[in-house]
Amino acid sequence: MTISANEVKKRGVSLFDTLLERFDELIINVRGKDKYVVLDIERYKEFRANELDLAYMQTMKDIEKGNYKAQSAAEHIAELEADLKDEL
């Protein structure tokens, strides 16, 4: 469901409780463009858990393929600093 930012201004955040009982998510439209999404906290936690599961699976695939390198913390920091210097 899409609602306008003006509607949120008029009715306040209590509007979210009412609408989230009927819809899984709310899209807030600002000046004709979809800009924000409002989710129930439990649905948000589900999304985050899925996102973390996906990151874990991708990491495990990289490890299986040998797509990683082992280095000390000091080596890693030195590499990051060198990369930052290259970007400047």
C-alpha atoms as a PDB file:
ATOM      1  CA  MET A   1       0.000   0.000   0.000  1.00  0.00           C
ATOM      2  CA  THR A   2       1.296   3.445  -0.867  1.00  0.00           C
ATOM      3  CA  ILE A   3       0.534   6.505   1.234  1.00  0.00           C
ATOM      4  CA  SER A   4       1.675  10.081   0.830  1.00  0.00           C
ATOM      5  CA  ALA A   5       4.002  11.865   3.209  1.00  0.00           C
ATOM      6  CA  ASN A   6       1.263  14.482   3.642  1.00  0.00           C
ATOM      7  CA  GLU A   7      -1.127  11.789   4.889  1.00  0.00           C
ATOM      8  CA  VAL A   8       1.477  10.737   7.467  1.00  0.00           C
ATOM      9  CA  LYS A   9       1.855  14.378   8.524  1.00  0.00           C
ATOM     10  CA  LYS A  10      -1.900  14.770   8.914  1.00  0.00           C
ATOM     11  CA  ARG A  11      -2.654  11.515  10.719  1.00  0.00           C
ATOM     12  CA  GLY A  12       0.644  10.797  12.478  1.00  0.00           C
ATOM     13  CA  VAL A  13       2.363   7.481  13.028  1.00  0.00           C
ATOM     14  CA  SER A  14      -0.802   5.926  14.478  1.00  0.00           C
ATOM     15  CA  LEU A  15      -1.767   5.584  10.811  1.00  0.00           C
ATOM     16  CA  PHE A  16       0.895   2.875  10.532  1.00  0.00           C
ATOM     17  CA  ASP A  17      -0.731   0.659  13.169  1.00  0.00           C
ATOM     18  CA  THR A  18      -4.059   0.750  11.366  1.00  0.00           C
ATOM     19  CA  LEU A  19      -2.642   0.068   7.912  1.00  0.00           C
ATOM     20  CA  LEU A  20      -0.084  -2.562   8.959  1.00  0.00           C
ATOM     21  CA  GLU A  21      -2.942  -4.672  10.307  1.00  0.00           C
ATOM     22  CA  ARG A  22      -4.160  -4.979   6.692  1.00  0.00           C
ATOM     23  CA  PHE A  23      -0.953  -4.719   4.637  1.00  0.00           C
ATOM     24  CA  ASP A  24       2.516  -6.280   4.989  1.00  0.00           C
ATOM     25  CA  GLU A  25       4.297  -3.069   4.139  1.00  0.00           C
ATOM     26  CA  LEU A  26       3.607   0.598   3.510  1.00  0.00           C
ATOM     27  CA  ILE A  27       5.376   2.712   0.927  1.00  0.00           C
ATOM     28  CA  ILE A  28       5.583   6.414   1.694  1.00  0.00           C
ATOM     29  CA  ASN A  29       5.431   8.586  -1.366  1.00  0.00           C
ATOM     30  CA  VAL A  30       7.142  11.992  -1.213  1.00  0.00           C
ATOM     31  CA  ARG A  31       6.373  14.489  -3.973  1.00  0.00           C
ATOM     32  CA  GLY A  32       5.233  11.764  -6.335  1.00  0.00           C
ATOM     33  CA  LYS A  33       8.141   9.378  -5.736  1.00  0.00           C
ATOM     34  CA  ASP A  34       8.243   6.271  -3.569  1.00  0.00           C
ATOM     35  CA  LYS A  35      10.845   7.022  -0.922  1.00  0.00           C
ATOM     36  CA  TYR A  36      10.381   4.973   2.281  1.00  0.00           C
ATOM     37  CA  VAL A  37       9.067   1.587   3.361  1.00  0.00           C
ATOM     38  CA  VAL A  38       7.457   0.934   6.732  1.00  0.00           C
ATOM     39  CA  LEU A  39       7.353  -2.635   8.046  1.00  0.00           C
ATOM     40  CA  ASP A  40       6.104  -4.270  11.193  1.00  0.00           C
ATOM     41  CA  ILE A  41       9.133  -5.004  13.415  1.00  0.00           C
ATOM     42  CA  GLU A  42       8.658  -8.776  13.149  1.00  0.00           C
ATOM     43  CA  ARG A  43       8.669  -8.592   9.348  1.00  0.00           C
ATOM     44  CA  TYR A  44      11.791  -6.417   9.501  1.00  0.00           C
ATOM     45  CA  LYS A  45      13.507  -9.006  11.719  1.00  0.00           C
ATOM     46  CA  GLU A  46      12.612 -11.674   9.141  1.00  0.00           C
ATOM     47  CA  PHE A  47      14.174  -9.613   6.363  1.00  0.00           C
ATOM     48  CA  ARG A  48      17.332  -9.058   8.404  1.00  0.00           C
ATOM     49  CA  ALA A  49      17.607 -12.761   9.266  1.00  0.00           C
ATOM     50  CA  ASN A  50      17.225 -13.671   5.581  1.00  0.00           C
ATOM     51  CA  GLU A  51      19.802 -11.077   4.611  1.00  0.00           C
ATOM     52  CA  LEU A  52      22.282 -12.482   7.128  1.00  0.00           C
ATOM     53  CA  ASP A  53      21.574 -16.061   5.975  1.00  0.00           C
ATOM     54  CA  LEU A  54      22.265 -15.036   2.384  1.00  0.00           C
ATOM     55  CA  ALA A  55      25.536 -13.323   3.366  1.00  0.00           C
ATOM     56  CA  TYR A  56      26.569 -16.467   5.266  1.00  0.00           C
ATOM     57  CA  MET A  57      25.797 -18.701   2.267  1.00  0.00           C
ATOM     58  CA  GLN A  58      27.761 -16.415  -0.067  1.00  0.00           C
ATOM     59  CA  THR A  59      30.698 -16.431   2.338  1.00  0.00           C
ATOM     60  CA  MET A  60      30.649 -20.227   2.546  1.00  0.00           C
ATOM     61  CA  LYS A  61      30.641 -20.444  -1.272  1.00  0.00           C
ATOM     62  CA  ASP A  62      33.654 -18.116  -1.404  1.00  0.00           C
ATOM     63  CA  ILE A  63      35.476 -20.283   1.136  1.00  0.00           C
ATOM     64  CA  GLU A  64      34.660 -23.461  -0.832  1.00  0.00           C
ATOM     65  CA  LYS A  65      36.023 -21.844  -4.005  1.00  0.00           C
ATOM     66  CA  GLY A  66      39.143 -20.613  -2.210  1.00  0.00           C
ATOM     67  CA  ASN A  67      38.124 -17.028  -2.900  1.00  0.00           C
ATOM     68  CA  TYR A  68      39.699 -15.532   0.211  1.00  0.00           C
ATOM     69  CA  LYS A  69      43.071 -14.728   1.683  1.00  0.00           C
ATOM     70  CA  ALA A  70      44.484 -15.235   5.140  1.00  0.00           C
ATOM     71  CA  GLN A  71      46.302 -12.293   6.698  1.00  0.00           C
ATOM     72  CA  SER A  72      46.926 -10.750  10.064  1.00  0.00           C
ATOM     73  CA  ALA A  73      44.960  -7.775  11.325  1.00  0.00           C
ATOM     74  CA  ALA A  74      48.002  -5.555  10.801  1.00  0.00           C
ATOM     75  CA  GLU A  75      48.360  -6.756   7.188  1.00  0.00           C
ATOM     76  CA  HIS A  76      44.681  -6.152   6.569  1.00  0.00           C
ATOM     77  CA  ILE A  77      44.828  -2.618   7.983  1.00  0.00           C
ATOM     78  CA  ALA A  78      47.911  -1.835   5.900  1.00  0.00           C
ATOM     79  CA  GLU A  79      46.086  -3.067   2.788  1.00  0.00           C
ATOM     80  CA  LEU A  80      43.041  -0.930   3.582  1.00  0.00           C
ATOM     81  CA  GLU A  81      45.205   2.140   4.144  1.00  0.00           C
ATOM     82  CA  ALA A  82      46.982   1.554   0.823  1.00  0.00           C
ATOM     83  CA  ASP A  83      43.624   1.223  -0.953  1.00  0.00           C
ATOM     84  CA  LEU A  84      42.445   4.493   0.599  1.00  0.00           C
ATOM     85  CA  LYS A  85      45.582   6.303  -0.541  1.00  0.00           C
ATOM     86  CA  ASP A  86      45.051   4.957  -4.073  1.00  0.00           C
ATOM     87  CA  GLU A  87      41.499   6.330  -4.094  1.00  0.00           C
ATOM     88  CA  LEU A  88      42.610   9.823  -3.132  1.00  0.00           C
END
